[in-house]
């Protein structure tokens, strides 16, 4: 599992100072691997992402195939 974080709280001030200054996108995923009978493996993944910055969400949505949008 990967989860996006923000460094906006006062406790994260020192860590935020080390971060590069740029547009930040967001990405989160959950992965699951199952061992199946017959030495088969099943891998499933769900994800969500946003490029951030000045790219409007409707443009991002239009370039992602519908089967991958939630």
C-alpha atoms as a PDB file:
ATOM      1  CA  UNK A   1       0.000   0.000   0.000  1.00  0.00           C
ATOM      2  CA  UNK A   2       1.281   3.480  -0.790  1.00  0.00           C
ATOM      3  CA  UNK A   3      -0.396   6.549   0.662  1.00  0.00           C
ATOM      4  CA  UNK A   4       0.238  10.205  -0.235  1.00  0.00           C
ATOM      5  CA  UNK A   5       1.408  12.481   2.562  1.00  0.00           C
ATOM      6  CA  UNK A   6       1.568  16.210   3.046  1.00  0.00           C
ATOM      7  CA  UNK A   7       4.184  18.088   5.007  1.00  0.00           C
ATOM      8  CA  UNK A   8       1.902  20.939   6.030  1.00  0.00           C
ATOM      9  CA  UNK A   9       1.775  20.497   9.797  1.00  0.00           C
ATOM     10  CA  UNK A  10       4.186  22.443  12.073  1.00  0.00           C
ATOM     11  CA  UNK A  11       5.835  19.167  13.205  1.00  0.00           C
ATOM     12  CA  UNK A  12       6.930  18.504   9.595  1.00  0.00           C
ATOM     13  CA  UNK A  13       8.586  21.888   9.087  1.00  0.00           C
ATOM     14  CA  UNK A  14      12.183  20.520   9.097  1.00  0.00           C
ATOM     15  CA  UNK A  15      11.304  17.722   6.676  1.00  0.00           C
ATOM     16  CA  UNK A  16       9.379  20.121   4.421  1.00  0.00           C
ATOM     17  CA  UNK A  17      12.470  22.369   4.203  1.00  0.00           C
ATOM     18  CA  UNK A  18      14.404  19.467   2.620  1.00  0.00           C
ATOM     19  CA  UNK A  19      11.736  18.842   0.001  1.00  0.00           C
ATOM     20  CA  UNK A  20      12.361  20.106  -3.523  1.00  0.00           C
ATOM     21  CA  UNK A  21      10.203  23.022  -4.594  1.00  0.00           C
ATOM     22  CA  UNK A  22       8.028  21.900  -7.500  1.00  0.00           C
ATOM     23  CA  UNK A  23       4.487  20.868  -8.403  1.00  0.00           C
ATOM     24  CA  UNK A  24       3.463  17.827  -6.427  1.00  0.00           C
ATOM     25  CA  UNK A  25       1.218  15.167  -7.878  1.00  0.00           C
ATOM     26  CA  UNK A  26      -0.568  12.601  -5.748  1.00  0.00           C
ATOM     27  CA  UNK A  27      -0.573   8.832  -6.117  1.00  0.00           C
ATOM     28  CA  UNK A  28      -2.065   6.137  -3.904  1.00  0.00           C
ATOM     29  CA  UNK A  29      -2.240   2.407  -4.516  1.00  0.00           C
ATOM     30  CA  UNK A  30      -3.270  -0.820  -2.857  1.00  0.00           C
ATOM     31  CA  UNK A  31      -1.889  -4.116  -4.114  1.00  0.00           C
ATOM     32  CA  UNK A  32      -2.862  -7.678  -3.271  1.00  0.00           C
ATOM     33  CA  UNK A  33      -1.067 -10.866  -4.267  1.00  0.00           C
ATOM     34  CA  UNK A  34      -2.717 -14.262  -3.820  1.00  0.00           C
ATOM     35  CA  UNK A  35      -1.205 -17.702  -4.249  1.00  0.00           C
ATOM     36  CA  UNK A  36      -3.686 -19.867  -6.152  1.00  0.00           C
ATOM     37  CA  UNK A  37      -3.802 -23.636  -6.704  1.00  0.00           C
ATOM     38  CA  UNK A  38      -1.567 -24.976  -9.472  1.00  0.00           C
ATOM     39  CA  UNK A  39       1.363 -22.643  -8.708  1.00  0.00           C
ATOM     40  CA  UNK A  40      -0.602 -19.672 -10.064  1.00  0.00           C
ATOM     41  CA  UNK A  41      -0.361 -16.165  -8.661  1.00  0.00           C
ATOM     42  CA  UNK A  42      -3.019 -13.465  -8.868  1.00  0.00           C
ATOM     43  CA  UNK A  43      -2.021  -9.811  -8.576  1.00  0.00           C
ATOM     44  CA  UNK A  44      -4.630  -7.066  -8.146  1.00  0.00           C
ATOM     45  CA  UNK A  45      -4.008  -3.367  -7.900  1.00  0.00           C
ATOM     46  CA  UNK A  46      -6.227  -0.337  -7.352  1.00  0.00           C
ATOM     47  CA  UNK A  47      -4.824   3.154  -7.735  1.00  0.00           C
ATOM     48  CA  UNK A  48      -5.726   6.778  -7.756  1.00  0.00           C
ATOM     49  CA  UNK A  49      -3.565   9.627  -9.011  1.00  0.00           C
ATOM     50  CA  UNK A  50      -3.619  13.332  -9.724  1.00  0.00           C
ATOM     51  CA  UNK A  51      -0.876  15.217 -11.598  1.00  0.00           C
ATOM     52  CA  UNK A  52      -1.245  18.389  -9.509  1.00  0.00           C
ATOM     53  CA  UNK A  53      -0.179  21.798 -10.759  1.00  0.00           C
ATOM     54  CA  UNK A  54      -2.129  23.697 -13.400  1.00  0.00           C
ATOM     55  CA  UNK A  55      -3.452  20.670 -15.292  1.00  0.00           C
ATOM     56  CA  UNK A  56      -7.269  20.713 -15.016  1.00  0.00           C
ATOM     57  CA  UNK A  57      -8.841  17.496 -13.739  1.00  0.00           C
ATOM     58  CA  UNK A  58     -11.105  17.185 -16.816  1.00  0.00           C
ATOM     59  CA  UNK A  59      -7.999  16.922 -19.037  1.00  0.00           C
ATOM     60  CA  UNK A  60      -6.477  14.269 -16.800  1.00  0.00           C
ATOM     61  CA  UNK A  61      -9.756  12.339 -16.863  1.00  0.00           C
ATOM     62  CA  UNK A  62      -9.982  12.547 -20.656  1.00  0.00           C
ATOM     63  CA  UNK A  63      -6.595  10.857 -21.223  1.00  0.00           C
ATOM     64  CA  UNK A  64      -7.158   7.972 -18.783  1.00  0.00           C
ATOM     65  CA  UNK A  65      -9.122   5.070 -20.279  1.00  0.00           C
ATOM     66  CA  UNK A  66     -12.605   4.720 -18.741  1.00  0.00           C
ATOM     67  CA  UNK A  67     -11.881   1.236 -17.398  1.00  0.00           C
ATOM     68  CA  UNK A  68      -9.180   2.736 -15.173  1.00  0.00           C
ATOM     69  CA  UNK A  69     -11.268   5.602 -13.805  1.00  0.00           C
ATOM     70  CA  UNK A  70     -13.108   5.224 -10.532  1.00  0.00           C
END
